[in-house]
Amino acid sequence: MREIQLRDAKATFSAVVDQAVHGTPSVITRRGRKEVVVLSYEEYEKLAHVPSFGRLLAAYPGEDNTIAERSDKPGRDVAF
């Protein structure tokens, strides 16, 4: 991912968009601070639909007894 200053991004916005569409997103900076990212709509869609970890756990299809109980016994030492 490349960084580009806002004034340069404005001057070459069409090229910035073309690069994002072809797989190279850009971080736009203003006064040295990262402000926004330009990425393709396809990449945005992938990121927008990633479920949270909590939702993944809530959707777990297994039954209560399919998850092994945690052992309180300390692990054994393994020599290499």
PDB file of N, CA and C in Angstrom:
ATOM      1  N   MET A   1       0.848  -1.161   0.000  1.00  0.00           N
ATOM      2  CA  MET A   1       0.000   0.000   0.000  1.00  0.00           C
ATOM      3  C   MET A   1       0.896   1.226   0.000  1.00  0.00           C
ATOM      4  N   ARG A   2       0.591   2.125  -0.872  1.00  0.00           N
ATOM      5  CA  ARG A   2       1.443   3.312  -0.961  1.00  0.00           C
ATOM      6  C   ARG A   2       0.812   4.490  -0.236  1.00  0.00           C
ATOM      7  N   GLU A   3       1.630   5.418   0.193  1.00  0.00           N
ATOM      8  CA  GLU A   3       1.156   6.648   0.827  1.00  0.00           C
ATOM      9  C   GLU A   3       1.314   7.791  -0.156  1.00  0.00           C
ATOM     10  N   ILE A   4       0.322   8.662  -0.168  1.00  0.00           N
ATOM     11  CA  ILE A   4       0.358   9.816  -1.054  1.00  0.00           C
ATOM     12  C   ILE A   4      -0.245  11.005  -0.313  1.00  0.00           C
ATOM     13  N   GLN A   5       0.361  12.175  -0.473  1.00  0.00           N
ATOM     14  CA  GLN A   5      -0.141  13.376   0.176  1.00  0.00           C
ATOM     15  C   GLN A   5      -1.442  13.810  -0.487  1.00  0.00           C
ATOM     16  N   LEU A   6      -2.306  14.422   0.283  1.00  0.00           N
ATOM     17  CA  LEU A   6      -3.615  14.825  -0.206  1.00  0.00           C
ATOM     18  C   LEU A   6      -3.519  15.688  -1.452  1.00  0.00           C
ATOM     19  N   ARG A   7      -2.630  16.667  -1.460  1.00  0.00           N
ATOM     20  CA  ARG A   7      -2.536  17.558  -2.631  1.00  0.00           C
ATOM     21  C   ARG A   7      -2.130  16.781  -3.879  1.00  0.00           C
ATOM     22  N   ASP A   8      -1.253  15.776  -3.727  1.00  0.00           N
ATOM     23  CA  ASP A   8      -0.856  14.951  -4.870  1.00  0.00           C
ATOM     24  C   ASP A   8      -1.990  14.024  -5.293  1.00  0.00           C
ATOM     25  N   ALA A   9      -2.749  13.529  -4.323  1.00  0.00           N
ATOM     26  CA  ALA A   9      -3.884  12.666  -4.644  1.00  0.00           C
ATOM     27  C   ALA A   9      -4.943  13.447  -5.418  1.00  0.00           C
ATOM     28  N   LYS A  10      -5.162  14.696  -5.043  1.00  0.00           N
ATOM     29  CA  LYS A  10      -6.129  15.530  -5.766  1.00  0.00           C
ATOM     30  C   LYS A  10      -5.691  15.728  -7.209  1.00  0.00           C
ATOM     31  N   ALA A  11      -4.412  15.974  -7.378  1.00  0.00           N
ATOM     32  CA  ALA A  11      -3.894  16.255  -8.727  1.00  0.00           C
ATOM     33  C   ALA A  11      -3.910  15.021  -9.614  1.00  0.00           C
ATOM     34  N   THR A  12      -3.831  13.832  -9.012  1.00  0.00           N
ATOM     35  CA  THR A  12      -3.758  12.594  -9.792  1.00  0.00           C
ATOM     36  C   THR A  12      -4.840  11.613  -9.380  1.00  0.00           C
ATOM     37  N   PHE A  13      -6.011  12.138  -8.992  1.00  0.00           N
ATOM     38  CA  PHE A  13      -7.054  11.292  -8.434  1.00  0.00           C
ATOM     39  C   PHE A  13      -7.460  10.149  -9.360  1.00  0.00           C
ATOM     40  N   SER A  14      -7.556  10.414 -10.642  1.00  0.00           N
ATOM     41  CA  SER A  14      -7.934   9.364 -11.584  1.00  0.00           C
ATOM     42  C   SER A  14      -6.933   8.214 -11.546  1.00  0.00           C
ATOM     43  N   ALA A  15      -5.663   8.529 -11.472  1.00  0.00           N
ATOM     44  CA  ALA A  15      -4.624   7.494 -11.398  1.00  0.00           C
ATOM     45  C   ALA A  15      -4.691   6.744 -10.069  1.00  0.00           C
ATOM     46  N   VAL A  16      -4.982   7.453  -8.978  1.00  0.00           N
ATOM     47  CA  VAL A  16      -5.109   6.817  -7.663  1.00  0.00           C
ATOM     48  C   VAL A  16      -6.256   5.806  -7.696  1.00  0.00           C
ATOM     49  N   VAL A  17      -7.378   6.202  -8.303  1.00  0.00           N
ATOM     50  CA  VAL A  17      -8.527   5.309  -8.414  1.00  0.00           C
ATOM     51  C   VAL A  17      -8.189   4.108  -9.294  1.00  0.00           C
ATOM     52  N   ASP A  18      -7.550   4.345 -10.422  1.00  0.00           N
ATOM     53  CA  ASP A  18      -7.170   3.242 -11.315  1.00  0.00           C
ATOM     54  C   ASP A  18      -6.267   2.242 -10.606  1.00  0.00           C
ATOM     55  N   GLN A  19      -5.322   2.735  -9.824  1.00  0.00           N
ATOM     56  CA  GLN A  19      -4.428   1.835  -9.091  1.00  0.00           C
ATOM     57  C   GLN A  19      -5.191   1.020  -8.050  1.00  0.00           C
ATOM     58  N   ALA A  20      -6.139   1.655  -7.381  1.00  0.00           N
ATOM     59  CA  ALA A  20      -6.939   0.935  -6.386  1.00  0.00           C
ATOM     60  C   ALA A  20      -7.754  -0.167  -7.052  1.00  0.00           C
ATOM     61  N   VAL A  21      -8.339   0.126  -8.190  1.00  0.00           N
ATOM     62  CA  VAL A  21      -9.129  -0.866  -8.923  1.00  0.00           C
ATOM     63  C   VAL A  21      -8.267  -2.046  -9.344  1.00  0.00           C
ATOM     64  N   HIS A  22      -7.003  -1.780  -9.628  1.00  0.00           N
ATOM     65  CA  HIS A  22      -6.093  -2.841 -10.062  1.00  0.00           C
ATOM     66  C   HIS A  22      -5.321  -3.473  -8.901  1.00  0.00           C
ATOM     67  N   GLY A  23      -5.769  -3.227  -7.666  1.00  0.00           N
ATOM     68  CA  GLY A  23      -5.195  -3.949  -6.532  1.00  0.00           C
ATOM     69  C   GLY A  23      -4.185  -3.214  -5.686  1.00  0.00           C
ATOM     70  N   THR A  24      -3.945  -1.935  -5.943  1.00  0.00           N
ATOM     71  CA  THR A  24      -2.986  -1.184  -5.146  1.00  0.00           C
ATOM     72  C   THR A  24      -3.687  -0.027  -4.439  1.00  0.00           C
ATOM     73  N   PRO A  25      -4.168  -0.251  -3.215  1.00  0.00           N
ATOM     74  CA  PRO A  25      -4.811   0.844  -2.487  1.00  0.00           C
ATOM     75  C   PRO A  25      -3.792   1.904  -2.085  1.00  0.00           C
ATOM     76  N   SER A  26      -4.276   3.091  -1.776  1.00  0.00           N
ATOM     77  CA  SER A  26      -3.412   4.195  -1.362  1.00  0.00           C
ATOM     78  C   SER A  26      -3.886   4.769  -0.044  1.00  0.00           C
ATOM     79  N   VAL A  27      -2.925   5.094   0.819  1.00  0.00           N
ATOM     80  CA  VAL A  27      -3.212   5.814   2.053  1.00  0.00           C
ATOM     81  C   VAL A  27      -2.996   7.291   1.750  1.00  0.00           C
ATOM     82  N   ILE A  28      -4.022   8.090   1.993  1.00  0.00           N
ATOM     83  CA  ILE A  28      -3.921   9.527   1.755  1.00  0.00           C
ATOM     84  C   ILE A  28      -3.555  10.195   3.070  1.00  0.00           C
ATOM     85  N   THR A  29      -2.499  10.997   3.027  1.00  0.00           N
ATOM     86  CA  THR A  29      -2.039  11.688   4.229  1.00  0.00           C
ATOM     87  C   THR A  29      -2.314  13.180   4.113  1.00  0.00           C
ATOM     88  N   ARG A  30      -2.523  13.795   5.271  1.00  0.00           N
ATOM     89  CA  ARG A  30      -2.697  15.246   5.341  1.00  0.00           C
ATOM     90  C   ARG A  30      -1.838  15.732   6.493  1.00  0.00           C
ATOM     91  N   ARG A  31      -0.935  16.631   6.184  1.00  0.00           N
ATOM     92  CA  ARG A  31       0.012  17.155   7.168  1.00  0.00           C
ATOM     93  C   ARG A  31       0.776  16.041   7.870  1.00  0.00           C
ATOM     94  N   GLY A  32       1.117  14.990   7.118  1.00  0.00           N
ATOM     95  CA  GLY A  32       1.907  13.886   7.655  1.00  0.00           C
ATOM     96  C   GLY A  32       1.114  12.834   8.416  1.00  0.00           C
ATOM     97  N   ARG A  33      -0.196  13.032   8.566  1.00  0.00           N
ATOM     98  CA  ARG A  33      -1.029  12.060   9.277  1.00  0.00           C
ATOM     99  C   ARG A  33      -1.851  11.248   8.298  1.00  0.00           C
ATOM    100  N   LYS A  34      -1.937   9.960   8.528  1.00  0.00           N
ATOM    101  CA  LYS A  34      -2.751   9.087   7.682  1.00  0.00           C
ATOM    102  C   LYS A  34      -4.215   9.416   7.943  1.00  0.00           C
ATOM    103  N   GLU A  35      -4.939   9.752   6.880  1.00  0.00           N
ATOM    104  CA  GLU A  35      -6.329  10.182   7.030  1.00  0.00           C
ATOM    105  C   GLU A  35      -7.331   9.196   6.438  1.00  0.00           C
ATOM    106  N   VAL A  36      -7.119   8.736   5.207  1.00  0.00           N
ATOM    107  CA  VAL A  36      -8.075   7.857   4.538  1.00  0.00           C
ATOM    108  C   VAL A  36      -7.337   6.848   3.668  1.00  0.00           C
ATOM    109  N   VAL A  37      -8.092   5.827   3.244  1.00  0.00           N
ATOM    110  CA  VAL A  37      -7.564   4.824   2.331  1.00  0.00           C
ATOM    111  C   VAL A  37      -8.475   4.781   1.111  1.00  0.00           C
ATOM    112  N   VAL A  38      -7.878   4.769  -0.066  1.00  0.00           N
ATOM    113  CA  VAL A  38      -8.633   4.582  -1.303  1.00  0.00           C
ATOM    114  C   VAL A  38      -8.395   3.149  -1.740  1.00  0.00           C
ATOM    115  N   LEU A  39      -9.476   2.359  -1.775  1.00  0.00           N
ATOM    116  CA  LEU A  39      -9.374   0.976  -2.210  1.00  0.00           C
ATOM    117  C   LEU A  39     -10.546   0.670  -3.125  1.00  0.00           C
ATOM    118  N   SER A  40     -10.433  -0.409  -3.856  1.00  0.00           N
ATOM    119  CA  SER A  40     -11.485  -0.769  -4.796  1.00  0.00           C
ATOM    120  C   SER A  40     -12.767  -1.114  -4.047  1.00  0.00           C
ATOM    121  N   TYR A  41     -13.889  -0.973  -4.729  1.00  0.00           N
ATOM    122  CA  TYR A  41     -15.168  -1.310  -4.127  1.00  0.00           C
ATOM    123  C   TYR A  41     -15.215  -2.800  -3.792  1.00  0.00           C
ATOM    124  N   GLU A  42     -14.601  -3.615  -4.622  1.00  0.00           N
ATOM    125  CA  GLU A  42     -14.556  -5.063  -4.373  1.00  0.00           C
ATOM    126  C   GLU A  42     -13.859  -5.363  -3.042  1.00  0.00           C
ATOM    127  N   GLU A  43     -12.733  -4.707  -2.790  1.00  0.00           N
ATOM    128  CA  GLU A  43     -12.016  -4.908  -1.524  1.00  0.00           C
ATOM    129  C   GLU A  43     -12.828  -4.367  -0.355  1.00  0.00           C
ATOM    130  N   TYR A  44     -13.485  -3.243  -0.542  1.00  0.00           N
ATOM    131  CA  TYR A  44     -14.336  -2.681   0.506  1.00  0.00           C
ATOM    132  C   TYR A  44     -15.444  -3.664   0.871  1.00  0.00           C
ATOM    133  N   GLU A  45     -16.088  -4.260  -0.135  1.00  0.00           N
ATOM    134  CA  GLU A  45     -17.169  -5.226   0.108  1.00  0.00           C
ATOM    135  C   GLU A  45     -16.667  -6.414   0.928  1.00  0.00           C
ATOM    136  N   LYS A  46     -15.464  -6.897   0.617  1.00  0.00           N
ATOM    137  CA  LYS A  46     -14.896  -8.013   1.379  1.00  0.00           C
ATOM    138  C   LYS A  46     -14.725  -7.632   2.849  1.00  0.00           C
ATOM    139  N   LEU A  47     -14.215  -6.439   3.082  1.00  0.00           N
ATOM    140  CA  LEU A  47     -13.967  -5.995   4.453  1.00  0.00           C
ATOM    141  C   LEU A  47     -15.258  -5.655   5.190  1.00  0.00           C
ATOM    142  N   ALA A  48     -16.245  -5.149   4.482  1.00  0.00           N
ATOM    143  CA  ALA A  48     -17.486  -4.719   5.111  1.00  0.00           C
ATOM    144  C   ALA A  48     -18.327  -5.888   5.595  1.00  0.00           C
ATOM    145  N   HIS A  49     -18.107  -7.058   5.045  1.00  0.00           N
ATOM    146  CA  HIS A  49     -18.940  -8.203   5.394  1.00  0.00           C
ATOM    147  C   HIS A  49     -18.226  -9.248   6.242  1.00  0.00           C
ATOM    148  N   VAL A  50     -17.137  -8.873   6.874  1.00  0.00           N
ATOM    149  CA  VAL A  50     -16.428  -9.786   7.772  1.00  0.00           C
ATOM    150  C   VAL A  50     -17.155  -9.765   9.116  1.00  0.00           C
ATOM    151  N   PRO A  51     -17.654 -10.910   9.567  1.00  0.00           N
ATOM    152  CA  PRO A  51     -18.387 -10.920  10.840  1.00  0.00           C
ATOM    153  C   PRO A  51     -17.437 -10.735  12.025  1.00  0.00           C
ATOM    154  N   SER A  52     -17.977 -10.236  13.110  1.00  0.00           N
ATOM    155  CA  SER A  52     -17.186 -10.074  14.320  1.00  0.00           C
ATOM    156  C   SER A  52     -16.908 -11.445  14.932  1.00  0.00           C
ATOM    157  N   PHE A  53     -15.912 -11.518  15.778  1.00  0.00           N
ATOM    158  CA  PHE A  53     -15.576 -12.772  16.434  1.00  0.00           C
ATOM    159  C   PHE A  53     -16.745 -13.251  17.288  1.00  0.00           C
ATOM    160  N   GLY A  54     -17.424 -12.326  17.945  1.00  0.00           N
ATOM    161  CA  GLY A  54     -18.580 -12.680  18.766  1.00  0.00           C
ATOM    162  C   GLY A  54     -19.692 -13.313  17.940  1.00  0.00           C
ATOM    163  N   ARG A  55     -19.951 -12.777  16.746  1.00  0.00           N
ATOM    164  CA  ARG A  55     -20.984 -13.348  15.884  1.00  0.00           C
ATOM    165  C   ARG A  55     -20.578 -14.738  15.388  1.00  0.00           C
ATOM    166  N   LEU A  56     -19.286 -14.910  15.113  1.00  0.00           N
ATOM    167  CA  LEU A  56     -18.817 -16.238  14.707  1.00  0.00           C
ATOM    168  C   LEU A  56     -19.039 -17.252  15.828  1.00  0.00           C
ATOM    169  N   LEU A  57     -18.729 -16.861  17.057  1.00  0.00           N
ATOM    170  CA  LEU A  57     -18.945 -17.768  18.186  1.00  0.00           C
ATOM    171  C   LEU A  57     -20.427 -18.062  18.390  1.00  0.00           C
ATOM    172  N   ALA A  58     -21.254 -17.036  18.266  1.00  0.00           N
ATOM    173  CA  ALA A  58     -22.691 -17.228  18.462  1.00  0.00           C
ATOM    174  C   ALA A  58     -23.283 -18.130  17.387  1.00  0.00           C
ATOM    175  N   ALA A  59     -22.688 -18.150  16.213  1.00  0.00           N
ATOM    176  CA  ALA A  59     -23.208 -18.952  15.110  1.00  0.00           C
ATOM    177  C   ALA A  59     -22.635 -20.364  15.087  1.00  0.00           C
ATOM    178  N   TYR A  60     -21.811 -20.724  16.066  1.00  0.00           N
ATOM    179  CA  TYR A  60     -21.179 -22.044  16.102  1.00  0.00           C
ATOM    180  C   TYR A  60     -22.263 -23.124  16.111  1.00  0.00           C
ATOM    181  N   PRO A  61     -22.257 -24.026  15.124  1.00  0.00           N
ATOM    182  CA  PRO A  61     -23.335 -25.005  15.002  1.00  0.00           C
ATOM    183  C   PRO A  61     -23.205 -26.236  15.907  1.00  0.00           C
ATOM    184  N   GLY A  62     -22.095 -26.380  16.591  1.00  0.00           N
ATOM    185  CA  GLY A  62     -21.880 -27.572  17.408  1.00  0.00           C
ATOM    186  C   GLY A  62     -22.755 -27.594  18.646  1.00  0.00           C
ATOM    187  N   GLU A  63     -22.713 -28.709  19.345  1.00  0.00           N
ATOM    188  CA  GLU A  63     -23.459 -28.852  20.582  1.00  0.00           C
ATOM    189  C   GLU A  63     -22.526 -28.595  21.757  1.00  0.00           C
ATOM    190  N   ASP A  64     -23.102 -28.429  22.928  1.00  0.00           N
ATOM    191  CA  ASP A  64     -22.307 -28.089  24.106  1.00  0.00           C
ATOM    192  C   ASP A  64     -21.188 -29.084  24.380  1.00  0.00           C
ATOM    193  N   ASN A  65     -21.438 -30.365  24.136  1.00  0.00           N
ATOM    194  CA  ASN A  65     -20.435 -31.374  24.473  1.00  0.00           C
ATOM    195  C   ASN A  65     -19.376 -31.552  23.393  1.00  0.00           C
ATOM    196  N   THR A  66     -19.407 -30.768  22.315  1.00  0.00           N
ATOM    197  CA  THR A  66     -18.395 -30.910  21.263  1.00  0.00           C
ATOM    198  C   THR A  66     -17.131 -30.121  21.556  1.00  0.00           C
ATOM    199  N   ILE A  67     -17.179 -29.276  22.548  1.00  0.00           N
ATOM    200  CA  ILE A  67     -16.005 -28.503  22.926  1.00  0.00           C
ATOM    201  C   ILE A  67     -15.384 -29.167  24.142  1.00  0.00           C
ATOM    202  N   ALA A  68     -14.102 -29.483  24.055  1.00  0.00           N
ATOM    203  CA  ALA A  68     -13.421 -30.180  25.151  1.00  0.00           C
ATOM    204  C   ALA A  68     -13.338 -29.283  26.376  1.00  0.00           C
ATOM    205  N   GLU A  69     -13.451 -29.919  27.528  1.00  0.00           N
ATOM    206  CA  GLU A  69     -13.312 -29.197  28.788  1.00  0.00           C
ATOM    207  C   GLU A  69     -11.861 -28.773  28.953  1.00  0.00           C
ATOM    208  N   ARG A  70     -11.670 -27.634  29.564  1.00  0.00           N
ATOM    209  CA  ARG A  70     -10.326 -27.151  29.835  1.00  0.00           C
ATOM    210  C   ARG A  70      -9.779 -27.855  31.065  1.00  0.00           C
ATOM    211  N   SER A  71      -8.562 -28.323  30.954  1.00  0.00           N
ATOM    212  CA  SER A  71      -7.925 -29.011  32.067  1.00  0.00           C
ATOM    213  C   SER A  71      -7.181 -27.995  32.918  1.00  0.00           C
ATOM    214  N   ASP A  72      -7.316 -28.111  34.244  1.00  0.00           N
ATOM    215  CA  ASP A  72      -6.586 -27.224  35.144  1.00  0.00           C
ATOM    216  C   ASP A  72      -5.208 -27.780  35.478  1.00  0.00           C
ATOM    217  N   LYS A  73      -4.905 -28.971  34.959  1.00  0.00           N
ATOM    218  CA  LYS A  73      -3.611 -29.578  35.211  1.00  0.00           C
ATOM    219  C   LYS A  73      -2.553 -28.858  34.393  1.00  0.00           C
ATOM    220  N   PRO A  74      -1.404 -28.583  35.012  1.00  0.00           N
ATOM    221  CA  PRO A  74      -0.338 -27.923  34.253  1.00  0.00           C
ATOM    222  C   PRO A  74       0.187 -28.840  33.169  1.00  0.00           C
ATOM    223  N   GLY A  75       0.620 -28.258  32.061  1.00  0.00           N
ATOM    224  CA  GLY A  75       1.174 -29.045  30.958  1.00  0.00           C
ATOM    225  C   GLY A  75       2.477 -29.687  31.344  1.00  0.00           C
ATOM    226  N   ARG A  76       2.782 -30.773  30.694  1.00  0.00           N
ATOM    227  CA  ARG A  76       4.038 -31.451  31.007  1.00  0.00           C
ATOM    228  C   ARG A  76       5.175 -30.792  30.227  1.00  0.00           C
ATOM    229  N   ASP A  77       6.338 -30.886  30.809  1.00  0.00           N
ATOM    230  CA  ASP A  77       7.510 -30.328  30.147  1.00  0.00           C
ATOM    231  C   ASP A  77       7.946 -31.263  29.036  1.00  0.00           C
ATOM    232  N   VAL A  78       8.278 -30.703  27.925  1.00  0.00           N
ATOM    233  CA  VAL A  78       8.737 -31.494  26.785  1.00  0.00           C
ATOM    234  C   VAL A  78      10.169 -31.096  26.489  1.00  0.00           C
ATOM    235  N   ALA A  79      11.065 -32.066  26.487  1.00  0.00           N
ATOM    236  CA  ALA A  79      12.473 -31.799  26.189  1.00  0.00           C
ATOM    237  C   ALA A  79      12.707 -31.949  24.696  1.00  0.00           C
ATOM    238  N   PHE A  80      13.450 -31.041  24.137  1.00  0.00           N
ATOM    239  CA  PHE A  80      13.781 -31.109  22.703  1.00  0.00           C
ATOM    240  C   PHE A  80      15.194 -31.554  22.514  1.00  0.00           C
TER     241      PHE A  80
END
